[in-house]
N, C-alpha and C. Protein backbone atom coordinates (compact mmCIF):
# COMPACT_ATOMS: atom_id res chain seq x y z
N MET A 1 0.86 -1.12 0.04
CA MET A 1 -0.01 0.03 -0.03
C MET A 1 0.84 1.21 -0.02
N ALA A 2 0.51 2.24 -0.86
CA ALA A 2 1.30 3.42 -0.96
C ALA A 2 0.97 4.41 0.32
N LYS A 3 1.92 5.13 0.59
CA LYS A 3 1.73 6.15 1.61
C LYS A 3 1.15 7.39 0.86
N PHE A 4 -0.07 7.87 1.35
CA PHE A 4 -0.70 9.00 0.66
C PHE A 4 -0.44 10.29 1.31
N SER A 5 -0.20 11.36 0.46
CA SER A 5 -0.22 12.70 0.95
C SER A 5 -1.73 13.05 1.32
N PHE A 6 -1.84 14.23 1.90
CA PHE A 6 -3.23 14.62 2.19
C PHE A 6 -3.99 14.83 0.86
N ALA A 7 -3.29 15.41 -0.11
CA ALA A 7 -4.00 15.62 -1.49
C ALA A 7 -4.41 14.38 -1.99
N ASP A 8 -3.54 13.24 -1.98
CA ASP A 8 -3.86 12.03 -2.41
C ASP A 8 -5.06 11.32 -1.69
N LYS A 9 -5.04 11.60 -0.47
CA LYS A 9 -6.18 11.12 0.32
C LYS A 9 -7.53 11.56 -0.11
N LEU A 10 -7.50 12.78 -0.43
CA LEU A 10 -8.65 13.56 -0.92
C LEU A 10 -9.03 12.98 -2.35
N VAL A 11 -8.10 12.77 -3.14
CA VAL A 11 -8.21 12.23 -4.44
C VAL A 11 -8.79 10.81 -4.42
N PHE A 12 -8.27 9.95 -3.50
CA PHE A 12 -8.67 8.64 -3.31
C PHE A 12 -10.09 8.53 -2.83
N LEU A 13 -10.49 9.40 -1.85
CA LEU A 13 -11.98 9.62 -1.38
C LEU A 13 -12.91 10.03 -2.60
N TRP A 14 -12.40 11.06 -3.36
CA TRP A 14 -13.16 11.46 -4.46
C TRP A 14 -13.49 10.34 -5.42
N LEU A 15 -12.32 9.54 -5.75
CA LEU A 15 -12.56 8.51 -6.73
C LEU A 15 -13.50 7.45 -6.36
N ILE A 16 -13.61 7.16 -4.95
CA ILE A 16 -14.62 6.19 -4.54
C ILE A 16 -15.88 6.74 -4.67
N ILE A 17 -16.15 8.07 -4.31
CA ILE A 17 -17.42 8.76 -4.58
C ILE A 17 -17.80 8.75 -6.04
N ASP A 18 -16.75 9.16 -6.86
CA ASP A 18 -17.05 9.23 -8.30
C ASP A 18 -17.40 7.91 -8.92
N LEU A 19 -16.73 6.82 -8.42
CA LEU A 19 -17.00 5.45 -8.91
C LEU A 19 -18.44 5.15 -8.46
N LEU A 20 -18.87 5.34 -7.31
CA LEU A 20 -20.22 5.03 -6.92
C LEU A 20 -21.30 5.87 -7.60
N VAL A 21 -20.99 7.14 -7.79
CA VAL A 21 -22.04 7.95 -8.56
C VAL A 21 -22.15 7.49 -9.96
N HIS A 22 -20.94 7.35 -10.63
CA HIS A 22 -21.10 6.80 -12.10
C HIS A 22 -21.65 5.40 -12.16
N GLY A 23 -21.10 4.59 -11.37
CA GLY A 23 -21.45 3.06 -11.36
C GLY A 23 -22.80 2.77 -10.89
N ILE A 24 -23.38 3.54 -9.98
CA ILE A 24 -24.79 3.17 -9.50
C ILE A 24 -25.71 4.32 -9.90
N LEU A 25 -25.55 5.53 -9.49
CA LEU A 25 -26.58 6.62 -9.74
C LEU A 25 -26.71 6.73 -11.28
N GLU A 26 -25.67 7.03 -11.98
CA GLU A 26 -25.77 7.39 -13.35
C GLU A 26 -26.12 6.16 -14.18
N ALA A 27 -25.73 4.98 -13.83
CA ALA A 27 -26.06 3.65 -14.47
C ALA A 27 -27.54 3.58 -14.39
N SER A 28 -28.21 3.81 -13.26
CA SER A 28 -29.61 3.79 -13.03
C SER A 28 -30.44 4.69 -13.95
N PHE A 29 -29.78 5.89 -14.18
CA PHE A 29 -30.42 6.75 -15.21
C PHE A 29 -30.47 6.17 -16.62
N VAL A 30 -29.30 5.70 -16.96
CA VAL A 30 -29.12 4.90 -18.30
C VAL A 30 -30.27 3.84 -18.51
N TYR A 31 -30.25 3.09 -17.36
CA TYR A 31 -31.18 1.91 -17.41
C TYR A 31 -32.67 2.49 -17.48
N PHE A 32 -33.05 3.43 -16.72
CA PHE A 32 -34.37 4.02 -16.79
C PHE A 32 -34.61 4.48 -18.22
N SER A 33 -33.67 5.23 -18.74
CA SER A 33 -33.79 5.88 -20.02
C SER A 33 -33.92 4.85 -21.20
N VAL A 34 -33.25 3.88 -21.18
CA VAL A 34 -33.25 2.78 -22.32
C VAL A 34 -34.38 1.86 -22.23
N THR A 35 -34.85 1.62 -21.06
CA THR A 35 -35.93 0.64 -20.90
C THR A 35 -37.39 1.31 -20.94
N THR A 36 -37.43 2.54 -20.55
CA THR A 36 -38.67 3.40 -20.66
C THR A 36 -38.15 4.79 -20.71
N THR A 37 -38.57 5.57 -19.75
CA THR A 37 -37.89 6.97 -19.50
C THR A 37 -37.89 7.13 -17.99
N VAL A 38 -37.22 8.14 -17.47
CA VAL A 38 -37.32 8.36 -16.15
C VAL A 38 -38.77 8.86 -15.71
N ALA A 39 -39.40 9.59 -16.61
CA ALA A 39 -40.83 9.99 -16.29
C ALA A 39 -41.78 8.72 -16.26
N LYS A 40 -41.50 7.63 -16.96
CA LYS A 40 -42.41 6.58 -16.96
C LYS A 40 -42.07 5.29 -16.17
N ALA A 41 -40.77 5.33 -15.62
CA ALA A 41 -40.24 4.14 -14.95
C ALA A 41 -41.12 3.87 -13.76
N GLN A 42 -41.22 2.58 -13.40
CA GLN A 42 -41.87 2.16 -12.19
C GLN A 42 -41.18 1.01 -11.58
N PRO A 43 -40.04 1.34 -10.87
CA PRO A 43 -39.23 0.32 -10.31
C PRO A 43 -39.96 -0.35 -9.06
N THR A 44 -39.64 -1.52 -8.73
CA THR A 44 -40.37 -2.22 -7.57
C THR A 44 -39.54 -2.40 -6.29
N THR A 45 -38.25 -2.25 -6.42
CA THR A 45 -37.42 -2.29 -5.21
C THR A 45 -37.20 -0.91 -4.51
N ALA A 46 -36.87 -1.02 -3.24
CA ALA A 46 -36.69 0.32 -2.53
C ALA A 46 -35.44 1.17 -3.05
N ILE A 47 -34.38 0.44 -3.48
CA ILE A 47 -33.22 1.18 -4.01
C ILE A 47 -33.64 1.76 -5.44
N GLY A 48 -34.38 0.98 -6.21
CA GLY A 48 -34.86 1.41 -7.47
C GLY A 48 -35.76 2.63 -7.36
N LYS A 49 -36.71 2.70 -6.42
CA LYS A 49 -37.50 3.77 -6.13
C LYS A 49 -36.76 4.98 -5.72
N TRP A 50 -35.78 4.77 -4.87
CA TRP A 50 -34.96 5.91 -4.55
C TRP A 50 -34.11 6.54 -5.69
N LEU A 51 -33.61 5.65 -6.47
CA LEU A 51 -32.80 6.13 -7.55
C LEU A 51 -33.65 6.89 -8.54
N LEU A 52 -34.89 6.29 -8.77
CA LEU A 52 -35.80 7.02 -9.69
C LEU A 52 -36.10 8.36 -9.12
N TRP A 53 -36.42 8.42 -7.75
CA TRP A 53 -36.75 9.62 -7.12
C TRP A 53 -35.73 10.71 -7.41
N THR A 54 -34.44 10.29 -7.28
CA THR A 54 -33.28 11.15 -7.48
C THR A 54 -33.24 11.76 -8.84
N TRP A 55 -33.61 10.98 -9.90
CA TRP A 55 -33.58 11.51 -11.22
C TRP A 55 -34.85 12.35 -11.49
N THR A 56 -36.02 11.87 -10.96
CA THR A 56 -37.18 12.66 -11.15
C THR A 56 -37.25 14.10 -10.44
N GLU A 57 -36.53 14.04 -9.23
CA GLU A 57 -36.25 15.43 -8.60
C GLU A 57 -35.37 16.23 -9.41
N TYR A 58 -34.26 15.67 -9.92
CA TYR A 58 -33.27 16.52 -10.70
C TYR A 58 -34.06 16.97 -11.96
N GLY A 59 -34.67 16.03 -12.68
CA GLY A 59 -35.29 16.37 -13.93
C GLY A 59 -36.40 17.42 -13.74
N SER A 60 -37.20 17.30 -12.65
CA SER A 60 -38.31 18.23 -12.47
C SER A 60 -37.88 19.64 -11.99
N LYS A 61 -36.71 19.64 -11.24
CA LYS A 61 -36.30 20.83 -10.52
C LYS A 61 -35.10 21.54 -11.31
N ALA A 62 -34.34 20.85 -12.14
CA ALA A 62 -33.14 21.39 -12.61
C ALA A 62 -33.23 21.38 -14.19
N ASP A 63 -33.29 20.28 -14.90
CA ASP A 63 -33.19 20.14 -16.31
C ASP A 63 -34.10 19.01 -16.70
N SER A 64 -35.13 19.35 -17.41
CA SER A 64 -36.34 18.46 -17.82
C SER A 64 -35.88 17.39 -18.68
N LYS A 65 -34.75 17.63 -19.51
CA LYS A 65 -34.21 16.66 -20.49
C LYS A 65 -33.90 15.34 -19.72
N TRP A 66 -33.67 15.34 -18.47
CA TRP A 66 -33.28 14.09 -17.68
C TRP A 66 -34.53 13.25 -17.54
N LEU A 67 -35.78 13.76 -17.89
CA LEU A 67 -36.95 12.96 -17.69
C LEU A 67 -37.31 12.13 -18.89
N ILE A 68 -36.65 12.53 -20.08
CA ILE A 68 -36.92 11.93 -21.23
C ILE A 68 -35.88 11.23 -21.85
N LEU A 69 -36.03 10.57 -23.05
CA LEU A 69 -34.86 9.95 -23.75
C LEU A 69 -34.18 10.98 -24.53
N ASP A 70 -33.34 11.75 -23.97
CA ASP A 70 -32.55 12.54 -24.76
C ASP A 70 -31.24 11.96 -25.27
N PRO A 71 -31.08 11.77 -26.59
CA PRO A 71 -29.96 10.99 -27.10
C PRO A 71 -28.47 11.45 -26.63
N CYS A 72 -28.41 12.75 -26.61
CA CYS A 72 -26.99 13.36 -26.20
C CYS A 72 -26.82 12.90 -24.73
N ILE A 73 -27.76 13.23 -23.85
CA ILE A 73 -27.55 12.97 -22.41
C ILE A 73 -27.41 11.51 -22.12
N VAL A 74 -28.17 10.68 -22.75
CA VAL A 74 -28.04 9.21 -22.47
C VAL A 74 -26.71 8.73 -23.14
N SER A 75 -26.36 9.16 -24.27
CA SER A 75 -25.08 8.68 -24.75
C SER A 75 -23.99 9.05 -23.92
N VAL A 76 -23.93 10.42 -23.40
CA VAL A 76 -22.78 10.71 -22.48
C VAL A 76 -22.78 9.98 -21.27
N GLU A 77 -24.06 9.73 -20.66
CA GLU A 77 -24.16 8.99 -19.40
C GLU A 77 -23.75 7.52 -19.67
N LEU A 78 -24.07 6.93 -20.72
CA LEU A 78 -23.64 5.50 -21.01
C LEU A 78 -22.18 5.54 -20.98
N LEU A 79 -21.47 6.38 -21.60
CA LEU A 79 -20.00 6.40 -21.56
C LEU A 79 -19.46 6.61 -20.22
N THR A 80 -20.12 7.53 -19.53
CA THR A 80 -19.73 7.86 -18.16
C THR A 80 -19.77 6.68 -17.21
N CYS A 81 -21.00 6.11 -17.32
CA CYS A 81 -21.22 4.96 -16.28
C CYS A 81 -20.48 3.72 -16.58
N THR A 82 -19.96 3.60 -17.69
CA THR A 82 -19.15 2.46 -18.01
C THR A 82 -17.63 2.80 -18.04
N PHE A 83 -17.15 3.69 -18.84
CA PHE A 83 -15.81 3.99 -18.95
C PHE A 83 -15.22 4.82 -17.75
N ASP A 84 -15.88 5.72 -17.34
CA ASP A 84 -15.44 6.49 -16.13
C ASP A 84 -15.39 5.66 -14.87
N THR A 85 -16.35 4.78 -14.69
CA THR A 85 -16.40 3.87 -13.64
C THR A 85 -15.17 2.87 -13.60
N LEU A 86 -14.88 2.45 -14.79
CA LEU A 86 -13.71 1.63 -14.92
C LEU A 86 -12.45 2.40 -14.55
N LEU A 87 -12.39 3.59 -15.16
CA LEU A 87 -11.25 4.47 -14.91
C LEU A 87 -11.02 4.73 -13.45
N CYS A 88 -12.03 4.99 -12.76
CA CYS A 88 -12.01 5.28 -11.25
C CYS A 88 -11.31 3.97 -10.71
N ALA A 89 -11.83 2.87 -10.97
CA ALA A 89 -11.23 1.64 -10.38
C ALA A 89 -9.81 1.41 -10.70
N ILE A 90 -9.44 1.65 -11.91
CA ILE A 90 -8.02 1.59 -12.31
C ILE A 90 -7.19 2.57 -11.53
N ILE A 91 -7.62 3.80 -11.47
CA ILE A 91 -6.82 4.81 -10.71
C ILE A 91 -6.81 4.51 -9.20
N LEU A 92 -7.86 3.98 -8.57
CA LEU A 92 -7.77 3.57 -7.26
C LEU A 92 -6.80 2.32 -7.07
N TYR A 93 -6.70 1.49 -7.98
CA TYR A 93 -5.69 0.44 -7.87
C TYR A 93 -4.36 0.98 -8.07
N THR A 94 -4.18 1.81 -9.05
CA THR A 94 -2.78 2.28 -9.32
C THR A 94 -2.26 3.17 -8.20
N MET A 95 -3.22 3.91 -7.44
CA MET A 95 -2.86 4.60 -6.28
C MET A 95 -2.44 3.72 -5.12
N TRP A 96 -3.30 2.71 -4.87
CA TRP A 96 -3.13 1.83 -3.79
C TRP A 96 -1.68 0.99 -4.02
N THR A 97 -1.39 0.64 -5.23
CA THR A 97 -0.10 -0.12 -5.54
C THR A 97 1.04 0.96 -5.88
N ASN A 98 0.77 2.16 -5.73
CA ASN A 98 1.82 3.17 -6.08
C ASN A 98 2.41 3.10 -7.43
N LYS A 99 1.54 2.92 -8.43
CA LYS A 99 2.09 2.86 -9.85
C LYS A 99 2.02 4.27 -10.37
N PRO A 100 3.06 4.64 -11.04
CA PRO A 100 3.11 5.93 -11.76
C PRO A 100 2.19 6.12 -12.89
N SER A 101 1.74 4.98 -13.47
CA SER A 101 0.65 5.12 -14.58
C SER A 101 -0.59 5.76 -14.07
N ARG A 102 -0.72 5.89 -12.77
CA ARG A 102 -2.00 6.57 -12.16
C ARG A 102 -2.13 7.90 -12.88
N HIS A 103 -1.18 8.70 -12.99
CA HIS A 103 -1.31 10.01 -13.45
C HIS A 103 -1.70 10.07 -14.96
N PHE A 104 -1.40 9.05 -15.75
CA PHE A 104 -1.84 8.98 -17.15
C PHE A 104 -3.42 8.72 -17.11
N TRP A 105 -3.81 7.75 -16.31
CA TRP A 105 -5.17 7.30 -16.25
C TRP A 105 -6.01 8.46 -15.52
N GLN A 106 -5.40 9.22 -14.63
CA GLN A 106 -6.11 10.37 -14.06
C GLN A 106 -6.32 11.43 -15.00
N ILE A 107 -5.44 11.80 -15.97
CA ILE A 107 -5.63 12.77 -16.93
C ILE A 107 -6.80 12.25 -17.90
N VAL A 108 -6.74 11.00 -18.29
CA VAL A 108 -7.89 10.48 -19.07
C VAL A 108 -9.24 10.60 -18.44
N LEU A 109 -9.25 10.24 -17.21
CA LEU A 109 -10.56 10.34 -16.42
C LEU A 109 -11.04 11.78 -16.38
N CYS A 110 -10.11 12.68 -15.98
CA CYS A 110 -10.48 14.09 -15.86
C CYS A 110 -10.90 14.72 -17.19
N THR A 111 -10.24 14.33 -18.29
CA THR A 111 -10.72 14.77 -19.65
C THR A 111 -12.14 14.21 -19.94
N CYS A 112 -12.44 12.94 -19.59
CA CYS A 112 -13.74 12.44 -19.74
C CYS A 112 -14.80 13.16 -18.99
N GLU A 113 -14.38 13.44 -17.76
CA GLU A 113 -15.39 14.25 -16.86
C GLU A 113 -15.72 15.52 -17.50
N LEU A 114 -14.77 16.29 -17.85
CA LEU A 114 -14.86 17.60 -18.42
C LEU A 114 -15.63 17.55 -19.68
N TYR A 115 -15.30 16.55 -20.61
CA TYR A 115 -16.04 16.39 -21.77
C TYR A 115 -17.53 16.05 -21.55
N GLY A 116 -17.79 15.23 -20.51
CA GLY A 116 -19.26 14.95 -20.26
C GLY A 116 -19.98 16.19 -19.77
N ASP A 117 -19.32 16.94 -18.95
CA ASP A 117 -19.99 18.21 -18.56
C ASP A 117 -20.36 18.98 -19.71
N TRP A 118 -19.27 19.21 -20.51
CA TRP A 118 -19.42 20.08 -21.79
C TRP A 118 -20.62 19.55 -22.57
N MET A 119 -20.62 18.33 -22.79
CA MET A 119 -21.69 17.78 -23.82
C MET A 119 -23.01 17.71 -23.12
N THR A 120 -23.10 17.84 -21.91
CA THR A 120 -24.35 17.87 -21.11
C THR A 120 -24.94 19.21 -21.12
N PHE A 121 -24.06 20.21 -20.89
CA PHE A 121 -24.70 21.62 -20.56
C PHE A 121 -24.50 22.51 -21.85
N VAL A 122 -23.38 22.46 -22.60
CA VAL A 122 -23.24 23.36 -23.78
C VAL A 122 -24.40 23.25 -24.69
N PRO A 123 -24.82 22.13 -25.18
CA PRO A 123 -26.03 21.95 -26.15
C PRO A 123 -27.25 22.70 -25.45
N ALA A 124 -27.38 22.49 -24.13
CA ALA A 124 -28.59 23.18 -23.51
C ALA A 124 -28.52 24.70 -23.68
N ILE A 125 -27.30 25.19 -23.65
CA ILE A 125 -27.13 26.76 -23.74
C ILE A 125 -27.41 27.06 -25.09
N PHE A 126 -26.92 26.32 -26.14
CA PHE A 126 -27.20 26.64 -27.56
C PHE A 126 -28.66 26.44 -27.94
N GLU A 127 -29.34 25.66 -27.11
CA GLU A 127 -30.83 25.46 -27.38
C GLU A 127 -31.62 26.58 -26.56
N GLY A 128 -30.86 27.54 -25.95
CA GLY A 128 -31.55 28.65 -25.27
C GLY A 128 -31.86 28.28 -23.85
N GLY A 129 -31.39 27.08 -23.30
CA GLY A 129 -31.71 26.75 -22.01
C GLY A 129 -33.13 26.53 -21.66
N SER A 130 -33.98 26.05 -22.66
CA SER A 130 -35.35 25.92 -22.44
C SER A 130 -35.74 24.87 -21.46
N ASN A 131 -34.85 23.79 -21.41
CA ASN A 131 -35.05 22.74 -20.47
C ASN A 131 -34.56 23.01 -19.03
N LEU A 132 -33.73 24.00 -18.85
CA LEU A 132 -33.20 24.31 -17.60
C LEU A 132 -34.03 25.20 -16.83
N ASN A 133 -34.28 24.92 -15.45
CA ASN A 133 -35.03 25.70 -14.55
C ASN A 133 -34.08 26.89 -14.18
N MET A 134 -34.44 28.12 -14.49
CA MET A 134 -33.68 29.15 -14.15
C MET A 134 -34.00 29.90 -13.01
N ASP A 135 -34.80 29.34 -12.10
CA ASP A 135 -35.08 29.83 -10.76
C ASP A 135 -33.78 29.90 -10.11
N PRO A 136 -33.32 31.02 -9.52
CA PRO A 136 -31.95 31.02 -8.93
C PRO A 136 -31.70 29.96 -7.92
N PHE A 137 -32.60 29.63 -7.05
CA PHE A 137 -32.35 28.48 -6.16
C PHE A 137 -32.14 27.16 -6.83
N TYR A 138 -33.07 26.81 -7.74
CA TYR A 138 -32.86 25.47 -8.40
C TYR A 138 -31.69 25.38 -9.36
N PHE A 139 -31.46 26.68 -9.97
CA PHE A 139 -30.34 26.69 -10.96
C PHE A 139 -29.12 26.48 -10.29
N TYR A 140 -28.84 27.33 -9.19
CA TYR A 140 -27.46 27.31 -8.54
C TYR A 140 -27.36 26.06 -7.55
N VAL A 141 -28.38 25.58 -6.88
CA VAL A 141 -28.28 24.53 -6.09
C VAL A 141 -28.27 23.22 -6.78
N TYR A 142 -29.20 23.00 -7.57
CA TYR A 142 -29.31 21.70 -8.29
C TYR A 142 -28.43 21.59 -9.56
N THR A 143 -28.39 22.58 -10.50
CA THR A 143 -27.66 22.46 -11.69
C THR A 143 -26.19 22.85 -11.48
N VAL A 144 -25.96 24.01 -11.05
CA VAL A 144 -24.46 24.38 -10.77
C VAL A 144 -23.77 23.60 -9.56
N GLY A 145 -24.68 23.55 -8.39
CA GLY A 145 -24.10 22.90 -7.21
C GLY A 145 -23.87 21.40 -7.48
N SER A 146 -24.77 20.66 -7.94
CA SER A 146 -24.53 19.23 -8.14
C SER A 146 -23.64 18.87 -9.24
N ASN A 147 -23.39 19.78 -10.29
CA ASN A 147 -22.56 19.43 -11.41
C ASN A 147 -21.23 20.19 -11.31
N GLY A 148 -21.17 21.30 -10.66
CA GLY A 148 -19.97 22.06 -10.58
C GLY A 148 -18.70 21.28 -9.98
N VAL A 149 -19.00 20.44 -9.06
CA VAL A 149 -18.00 19.70 -8.49
C VAL A 149 -17.38 18.77 -9.53
N TRP A 150 -18.05 18.40 -10.61
CA TRP A 150 -17.40 17.46 -11.50
C TRP A 150 -16.68 18.34 -12.64
N VAL A 151 -16.55 19.62 -12.42
CA VAL A 151 -15.72 20.51 -13.21
C VAL A 151 -14.44 20.86 -12.34
N ILE A 152 -14.76 21.28 -11.15
CA ILE A 152 -13.68 21.76 -10.35
C ILE A 152 -12.68 20.62 -9.86
N VAL A 153 -13.28 19.64 -9.35
CA VAL A 153 -12.36 18.49 -8.92
C VAL A 153 -11.53 17.92 -10.10
N PRO A 154 -12.08 17.59 -11.29
CA PRO A 154 -11.26 17.25 -12.42
C PRO A 154 -10.13 18.23 -12.76
N ILE A 155 -10.42 19.51 -12.64
CA ILE A 155 -9.46 20.43 -13.02
C ILE A 155 -8.36 20.47 -12.10
N LEU A 156 -8.62 20.31 -10.73
CA LEU A 156 -7.65 20.21 -9.75
C LEU A 156 -6.76 18.93 -9.90
N MET A 157 -7.43 17.83 -10.24
CA MET A 157 -6.72 16.67 -10.52
C MET A 157 -5.84 16.61 -11.69
N LEU A 158 -6.34 17.40 -12.79
CA LEU A 158 -5.39 17.60 -13.91
C LEU A 158 -4.23 18.36 -13.53
N ILE A 159 -4.39 19.40 -12.86
CA ILE A 159 -3.14 20.11 -12.38
C ILE A 159 -2.22 19.30 -11.50
N GLN A 160 -2.77 18.56 -10.61
CA GLN A 160 -1.97 17.62 -9.89
C GLN A 160 -1.13 16.68 -10.80
N SER A 161 -1.79 16.09 -11.73
CA SER A 161 -1.00 15.04 -12.56
C SER A 161 -0.14 15.87 -13.52
N TYR A 162 -0.50 17.03 -14.00
CA TYR A 162 0.34 17.77 -14.81
C TYR A 162 1.74 18.01 -14.01
N ASN A 163 1.62 18.61 -12.82
CA ASN A 163 2.64 18.88 -11.91
C ASN A 163 3.58 17.69 -11.65
N TYR A 164 2.99 16.57 -11.48
CA TYR A 164 3.62 15.27 -11.14
C TYR A 164 4.46 14.88 -12.50
N LEU A 165 3.83 14.87 -13.73
CA LEU A 165 4.48 14.50 -14.87
C LEU A 165 5.57 15.44 -15.36
N VAL A 166 5.36 16.76 -15.13
CA VAL A 166 6.36 17.75 -15.45
C VAL A 166 7.63 17.53 -14.47
N SER A 167 7.40 17.33 -13.23
CA SER A 167 8.50 17.04 -12.34
C SER A 167 9.25 15.86 -12.64
N ALA A 168 8.52 14.76 -13.06
CA ALA A 168 9.22 13.46 -13.29
C ALA A 168 9.95 13.57 -14.54
N LEU A 169 9.39 14.21 -15.55
CA LEU A 169 10.12 14.50 -16.86
C LEU A 169 11.28 15.40 -16.75
N SER A 170 11.27 16.36 -15.82
CA SER A 170 12.35 17.29 -15.65
C SER A 170 13.46 16.52 -15.01
N GLN A 171 13.15 15.73 -14.02
CA GLN A 171 14.19 14.96 -13.33
C GLN A 171 14.84 13.95 -14.34
N LYS A 172 14.09 13.31 -15.17
CA LYS A 172 14.53 12.43 -16.20
C LYS A 172 15.45 13.05 -17.16
N GLN A 173 15.09 14.39 -17.61
CA GLN A 173 15.82 15.09 -18.57
C GLN A 173 17.14 15.68 -17.92
N LYS A 174 17.13 15.91 -16.65
CA LYS A 174 18.42 16.29 -15.98
C LYS A 174 19.39 15.24 -15.82
N SER A 175 18.84 13.99 -15.68
CA SER A 175 19.71 12.76 -15.55
C SER A 175 20.30 12.34 -16.81
N ASN A 176 19.78 12.72 -17.93
CA ASN A 176 20.33 12.46 -19.27
C ASN A 176 21.50 13.20 -19.65
């Protein structure tokens, strides 16, 4: 097991949360969307009902496109709940075993996270934001608050990996 700095402990914790959000919460959205829609789904289990409630709440209070089968949103979320979940697991493993490849995978994950945010919200802006609830409370708490962390944290993690790689390459260059 690697010895973690405080920053790496935060990254490790974030990756566990990220893995669970992508692998469970967002995967449930994809499932509801491809089998029916969030608006029409009728799960029978308690966890299914809670997951549906989460998406219904978000769709009705923040962005109504999450209630229907929006091809762009579902496509991005399908990629996110599969590829990003796998990347989180890979990075957690490489951190735990102290593998330097961690920073390559961390850059890939962060790029995917930022691309997913871009493809989720920029088309909505081009469409005039008609699906977004512009009430200040719902917009800032639900839309910005719940999604902003997936912009801020990946940017910070990109900076961390950039600094690590530049330092490692500088040391390598000096030794040549």
